[in-house]
Amino acid sequence: MTGSGDGTGSGLRTLPVPAGRAPLATRGGLVVHGAHRLGDLVRRRPAGITGNQWGSAIRESYDLVVADADGRLQLAAEIGPEPGAGQRAERTKTAVAGAAGLPVLRIGSATLTAAEHGRTVVGYVLDAAAYAERVAGIEPGDDPPVGFRDIPGRLPDGRTGPVNDLGALARAGAVEAYVEGRLVDPILRGLHVRWTGGPAEGWAWVEVRPGGFLVERVTVAEHRFSAGLDPARFAEDLAALAVGARLRTPEPGGPTLVDRAVLRTRIRGLAARRDEMVAGFAFDHLCAD
């Protein structure tokens, strides 16, 4: 795992498992804890942070926190709706976490939640990070290792494909929903981009009725942390996971759908901002009528 959360000399507290309380999960020697306030994770006010900023930020929380067996912090994660633009508390929290050297993973989604998906998603990034560390020592000249997401194996529908695709169940579920007559197209489509100096963003959508699409958008922001995944592709897989969650849980009155013309306009809006993206925009074929 690439990060700075060694808990030594960084102003971060150690986080041992409380006596008599089992952790949420363990992964390769790492311990996954539940929600903690930022004040539980940082020893003291970091340099450059004002008293008002400190007093505000320490009351803010992270959904899941990962530490090693000695309690040294490795990651704080948030999963859920993105904060409103310009939200002061979120800006202050980000500033304090950055000044303290806390590695943070922020997943913005209107559908995915820490309660329902947190352990799965955090376990996934920890497994990906461990895999990246294992293959990092492969000698030059050897065949390059397969990326964690693309390791082949048996998929839920019996086909062979990338077993670490978080959207695999959703893609199989879309086919089942199509067979049952709940969708007019069995293919779950998507795109991903990475903003320069900003988060990665992934979309996924499926056609529920002619011209009406169930659409999910997910952002992934990494601060002082990397699991060795392409964050944009990870965001698209998470968006597919969110579509699958909605397909499995009927919504009262049916899901809110996006018209084809509106979806295409939104995609064209992304394409028009390609100069703001890392590696540009690779989905021009989705802009055509």
Protein backbone atom coordinates (compact mmCIF):
# COMPACT_ATOMS: atom_id res chain seq x y z
CA MET A 1 0.00 0.00 0.00
CA THR A 2 1.39 3.36 -1.00
CA GLY A 3 0.74 5.88 1.73
CA SER A 4 2.29 7.82 4.55
CA GLY A 5 0.27 6.45 7.43
CA ASP A 6 3.02 4.79 9.42
CA GLY A 7 1.82 6.47 12.62
CA THR A 8 5.35 7.41 13.64
CA GLY A 9 6.42 11.03 13.86
CA SER A 10 3.47 12.06 11.68
CA GLY A 11 1.10 13.28 14.36
CA LEU A 12 -1.15 10.25 13.92
CA ARG A 13 -2.37 8.20 16.85
CA THR A 14 -2.10 4.43 17.10
CA LEU A 15 -5.41 2.64 17.01
CA PRO A 16 -5.36 -0.71 18.83
CA VAL A 17 -8.45 -2.90 18.78
CA PRO A 18 -10.45 -2.13 21.94
CA ALA A 19 -10.39 -4.91 24.52
CA GLY A 20 -13.29 -7.31 24.11
CA ARG A 21 -14.33 -5.88 20.74
CA ALA A 22 -13.65 -7.70 17.49
CA PRO A 23 -12.57 -5.64 14.47
CA LEU A 24 -14.89 -5.35 11.49
CA ALA A 25 -12.42 -7.35 9.40
CA THR A 26 -8.78 -8.31 9.06
CA ARG A 27 -6.86 -8.41 5.79
CA GLY A 28 -3.28 -9.58 5.44
CA GLY A 29 -2.28 -8.40 8.91
CA LEU A 30 -4.27 -5.17 8.65
CA VAL A 31 -7.25 -4.43 10.88
CA VAL A 32 -10.41 -2.70 9.64
CA HIS A 33 -12.16 -0.58 12.27
CA GLY A 34 -15.50 1.19 12.12
CA ALA A 35 -16.17 4.92 12.16
CA HIS A 36 -13.82 7.26 14.01
CA ARG A 37 -13.73 11.02 14.41
CA LEU A 38 -10.70 12.78 13.00
CA GLY A 39 -9.85 13.85 16.56
CA ASP A 40 -9.43 10.15 17.45
CA LEU A 41 -6.84 9.76 14.70
CA VAL A 42 -4.63 12.82 15.05
CA ARG A 43 -2.56 13.43 18.20
CA ARG A 44 -2.31 17.20 18.10
CA ARG A 45 -3.07 20.22 15.95
CA PRO A 46 -0.71 20.12 12.95
CA ALA A 47 1.45 23.08 12.03
CA GLY A 48 -0.34 25.54 9.78
CA ILE A 49 -3.80 24.66 11.10
CA THR A 50 -5.64 27.35 13.03
CA GLY A 51 -7.43 26.73 16.28
CA ASN A 52 -10.80 27.27 14.63
CA GLN A 53 -9.96 24.81 11.85
CA TRP A 54 -8.77 22.25 14.38
CA GLY A 55 -11.84 22.61 16.57
CA SER A 56 -14.14 22.13 13.59
CA ALA A 57 -12.26 19.27 11.91
CA ILE A 58 -11.81 16.99 14.93
CA ARG A 59 -15.58 16.52 15.14
CA GLU A 60 -15.77 15.20 11.57
CA SER A 61 -15.70 11.42 11.01
CA TYR A 62 -14.43 8.75 8.63
CA ASP A 63 -16.58 5.68 7.95
CA LEU A 64 -13.84 3.05 8.14
CA VAL A 65 -10.28 3.17 9.41
CA VAL A 66 -7.47 0.69 8.70
CA ALA A 67 -4.47 0.11 10.98
CA ASP A 68 -1.70 -2.47 11.13
CA ALA A 69 -1.43 -5.02 13.92
CA ASP A 70 0.39 -2.46 16.09
CA GLY A 71 -2.35 0.10 15.62
CA ARG A 72 -0.44 2.34 13.18
CA LEU A 73 -2.89 4.05 10.85
CA GLN A 74 -2.82 3.04 7.19
CA LEU A 75 -6.02 4.43 5.73
CA ALA A 76 -9.21 6.34 6.52
CA ALA A 77 -12.11 5.79 4.11
CA GLU A 78 -15.38 7.55 3.35
CA ILE A 79 -18.14 6.13 1.16
CA GLY A 80 -21.35 7.98 0.42
CA PRO A 81 -22.83 11.14 -1.09
CA GLU A 82 -20.36 13.82 -2.05
CA PRO A 83 -20.41 16.89 0.19
CA GLY A 84 -21.95 20.01 -1.24
CA ALA A 85 -19.71 22.31 -3.22
CA GLY A 86 -17.87 24.73 -0.97
CA GLN A 87 -18.79 22.94 2.23
CA ARG A 88 -16.48 24.49 4.81
CA ALA A 89 -16.41 21.56 7.26
CA GLU A 90 -15.26 19.17 4.50
CA ARG A 91 -12.54 21.56 3.32
CA THR A 92 -11.27 21.94 6.88
CA LYS A 93 -11.31 18.21 7.49
CA THR A 94 -9.31 17.65 4.28
CA ALA A 95 -6.79 20.30 5.29
CA VAL A 96 -6.22 18.82 8.76
CA ALA A 97 -5.95 15.25 7.45
CA GLY A 98 -3.43 16.42 4.86
CA ALA A 99 -1.35 18.35 7.37
CA ALA A 100 -1.28 15.32 9.67
CA GLY A 101 -0.28 12.92 6.86
CA LEU A 102 -3.40 10.74 7.10
CA PRO A 103 -3.94 8.58 3.99
CA VAL A 104 -7.54 8.99 2.84
CA LEU A 105 -9.77 7.29 0.26
CA ARG A 106 -12.96 9.20 -0.57
CA ILE A 107 -15.64 7.48 -2.67
CA GLY A 108 -18.52 9.73 -3.67
CA SER A 109 -21.75 7.97 -4.58
CA ALA A 110 -25.47 8.60 -4.22
CA THR A 111 -26.08 4.84 -3.89
CA LEU A 112 -23.05 3.15 -2.34
CA THR A 113 -22.86 3.46 1.46
CA ALA A 114 -20.35 2.55 4.12
CA ALA A 115 -22.90 0.37 5.90
CA GLU A 116 -23.75 -1.74 2.85
CA HIS A 117 -20.57 -1.65 0.80
CA GLY A 118 -17.78 -0.33 3.01
CA ARG A 119 -16.18 -3.59 4.08
CA THR A 120 -16.33 -4.97 0.54
CA VAL A 121 -14.74 -1.89 -1.01
CA VAL A 122 -12.05 -1.42 1.66
CA GLY A 123 -11.22 -5.13 1.57
CA TYR A 124 -10.90 -4.86 -2.20
CA VAL A 125 -8.42 -1.97 -2.09
CA LEU A 126 -6.39 -3.69 0.62
CA ASP A 127 -6.19 -6.86 -1.49
CA ALA A 128 -5.24 -4.78 -4.52
CA ALA A 129 -2.51 -2.99 -2.57
CA ALA A 130 -1.10 -6.27 -1.27
CA TYR A 131 -1.06 -7.68 -4.82
CA ALA A 132 0.69 -4.55 -6.15
CA GLU A 133 3.39 -4.93 -3.50
CA ARG A 134 3.90 -8.61 -4.38
CA VAL A 135 4.37 -7.95 -8.10
CA ALA A 136 6.47 -4.81 -7.67
CA GLY A 137 9.64 -6.90 -7.41
CA ILE A 138 9.28 -8.70 -10.74
CA GLU A 139 12.55 -8.46 -12.61
CA PRO A 140 12.80 -6.35 -15.79
CA GLY A 141 12.47 -8.51 -18.87
CA ASP A 142 9.91 -10.83 -17.33
CA ASP A 143 6.36 -10.76 -18.66
CA PRO A 144 4.56 -7.84 -17.01
CA PRO A 145 2.14 -9.01 -14.33
CA VAL A 146 -1.58 -8.93 -14.91
CA GLY A 147 -3.18 -6.06 -13.05
CA PHE A 148 -5.20 -6.97 -9.97
CA ARG A 149 -8.50 -6.01 -11.57
CA ASP A 150 -7.84 -8.17 -14.65
CA ILE A 151 -6.75 -11.44 -13.02
CA PRO A 152 -8.71 -14.08 -14.99
CA GLY A 153 -11.02 -16.64 -13.45
CA ARG A 154 -14.57 -17.94 -13.42
CA LEU A 155 -17.29 -15.27 -13.39
CA PRO A 156 -20.74 -15.59 -11.76
CA ASP A 157 -22.36 -16.41 -15.12
CA GLY A 158 -19.89 -19.22 -15.79
CA ARG A 159 -17.74 -17.35 -18.30
CA THR A 160 -14.03 -16.73 -17.86
CA GLY A 161 -13.12 -13.12 -17.23
CA PRO A 162 -11.61 -10.65 -14.74
CA VAL A 163 -12.62 -11.98 -11.34
CA ASN A 164 -11.72 -8.76 -9.55
CA ASP A 165 -14.09 -6.64 -11.61
CA LEU A 166 -16.33 -5.15 -8.93
CA GLY A 167 -19.06 -4.77 -11.54
CA ALA A 168 -19.08 -8.44 -12.58
CA LEU A 169 -22.13 -9.33 -10.48
CA ALA A 170 -23.95 -6.27 -11.76
CA ARG A 171 -23.19 -7.22 -15.37
CA ALA A 172 -24.54 -10.73 -14.78
CA GLY A 173 -27.53 -9.26 -12.96
CA ALA A 174 -28.32 -7.02 -15.92
CA VAL A 175 -28.50 -10.06 -18.19
CA GLU A 176 -30.84 -11.79 -15.73
CA ALA A 177 -33.03 -8.67 -15.49
CA TYR A 178 -33.21 -8.54 -19.28
CA VAL A 179 -34.30 -12.17 -19.46
CA GLU A 180 -36.96 -11.42 -16.84
CA GLY A 181 -38.20 -8.48 -18.91
CA ARG A 182 -37.10 -5.78 -16.45
CA LEU A 183 -34.60 -4.25 -18.89
CA VAL A 184 -34.75 -3.65 -22.64
CA ASP A 185 -30.97 -4.08 -23.08
CA PRO A 186 -28.78 -6.56 -21.15
CA ILE A 187 -25.54 -4.61 -21.56
CA LEU A 188 -24.26 -2.46 -18.71
CA ARG A 189 -22.22 0.32 -20.27
CA GLY A 190 -19.87 2.88 -18.78
CA LEU A 191 -17.04 5.38 -19.05
CA HIS A 192 -14.31 6.80 -16.85
CA VAL A 193 -12.15 9.92 -16.71
CA ARG A 194 -9.53 11.35 -14.41
CA TRP A 195 -9.50 15.06 -13.69
CA THR A 196 -6.16 16.84 -13.56
CA GLY A 197 -5.56 17.77 -9.95
CA GLY A 198 -8.90 16.25 -8.97
CA PRO A 199 -10.74 12.97 -8.48
CA ALA A 200 -11.34 10.14 -10.89
CA GLU A 201 -14.90 9.75 -12.10
CA GLY A 202 -16.77 6.71 -13.41
CA TRP A 203 -20.25 6.33 -14.89
CA ALA A 204 -22.34 3.23 -15.55
CA TRP A 205 -25.77 2.90 -17.09
CA VAL A 206 -28.30 0.37 -18.32
CA GLU A 207 -31.43 0.84 -20.46
CA VAL A 208 -34.53 0.04 -18.40
CA ARG A 209 -37.17 1.08 -20.93
CA PRO A 210 -36.73 2.36 -24.50
CA GLY A 211 -34.76 5.57 -24.19
CA GLY A 212 -34.77 5.54 -20.38
CA PHE A 213 -31.57 4.75 -18.51
CA LEU A 214 -30.64 3.98 -14.92
CA VAL A 215 -27.41 5.95 -14.46
CA GLU A 216 -24.85 5.94 -11.65
CA ARG A 217 -21.86 8.24 -11.19
CA VAL A 218 -19.04 7.60 -8.69
CA THR A 219 -15.95 9.63 -7.84
CA VAL A 220 -12.73 8.31 -6.32
CA ALA A 221 -10.31 10.67 -4.59
CA GLU A 222 -7.03 9.38 -3.16
CA HIS A 223 -4.94 11.46 -0.77
CA ARG A 224 -1.51 10.07 0.19
CA PHE A 225 -2.80 6.60 -0.70
CA SER A 226 -2.71 4.25 -3.67
CA ALA A 227 -3.86 0.66 -3.95
CA GLY A 228 -2.05 0.21 -7.27
CA LEU A 229 -5.35 0.45 -9.20
CA ASP A 230 -6.24 2.79 -12.03
CA PRO A 231 -8.56 5.06 -10.00
CA ALA A 232 -10.68 6.01 -13.01
CA ARG A 233 -11.34 2.41 -13.98
CA PHE A 234 -11.98 1.65 -10.31
CA ALA A 235 -14.57 4.45 -10.27
CA GLU A 236 -16.35 2.96 -13.30
CA ASP A 237 -16.43 -0.48 -11.67
CA LEU A 238 -17.87 1.10 -8.52
CA ALA A 239 -20.54 2.80 -10.64
CA ALA A 240 -21.41 -0.59 -12.12
CA LEU A 241 -21.59 -1.97 -8.57
CA ALA A 242 -24.04 0.83 -7.72
CA VAL A 243 -26.22 0.00 -10.75
CA GLY A 244 -26.28 -3.63 -9.63
CA ALA A 245 -27.35 -2.59 -6.13
CA ARG A 246 -30.29 -0.65 -7.56
CA LEU A 247 -31.30 -3.48 -9.87
CA ARG A 248 -31.45 -5.85 -6.89
CA THR A 249 -33.53 -3.50 -4.74
CA PRO A 250 -36.80 -2.33 -6.33
CA GLU A 251 -37.46 1.36 -5.79
CA PRO A 252 -40.95 2.61 -4.89
CA GLY A 253 -42.54 3.82 -8.09
CA GLY A 254 -39.64 2.45 -10.09
CA PRO A 255 -36.14 3.88 -10.53
CA THR A 256 -35.51 7.45 -11.60
CA LEU A 257 -34.45 7.24 -15.23
CA VAL A 258 -32.42 9.55 -17.46
CA ASP A 259 -33.60 10.22 -21.00
CA ARG A 260 -31.28 9.17 -23.82
CA ALA A 261 -30.87 12.72 -25.07
CA VAL A 262 -30.04 13.98 -21.59
CA LEU A 263 -27.48 11.22 -21.05
CA ARG A 264 -25.82 11.96 -24.38
CA THR A 265 -25.73 15.68 -23.56
CA ARG A 266 -24.02 14.94 -20.25
CA ILE A 267 -21.44 12.73 -21.97
CA ARG A 268 -20.78 15.44 -24.56
CA GLY A 269 -20.32 17.86 -21.68
CA LEU A 270 -17.55 15.63 -20.35
CA ALA A 271 -15.96 15.36 -23.78
CA ALA A 272 -15.89 19.16 -24.08
CA ARG A 273 -13.69 19.30 -20.97
CA ARG A 274 -11.09 16.82 -22.22
CA ASP A 275 -8.28 19.36 -21.76
CA GLU A 276 -8.95 19.23 -18.01
CA MET A 277 -8.41 15.47 -17.90
CA VAL A 278 -5.39 13.22 -17.45
CA ALA A 279 -4.94 11.42 -20.80
CA GLY A 280 -7.98 13.16 -22.32
CA PHE A 281 -11.36 11.61 -23.11
CA ALA A 282 -11.49 8.13 -24.65
CA PHE A 283 -15.25 7.77 -25.20
CA ASP A 284 -16.09 9.93 -28.20
CA HIS A 285 -18.00 7.01 -29.71
CA LEU A 286 -20.64 7.55 -27.01
CA CYS A 287 -21.27 11.11 -28.20
CA ALA A 288 -22.62 10.14 -31.61
CA ASP A 289 -26.36 10.24 -32.34
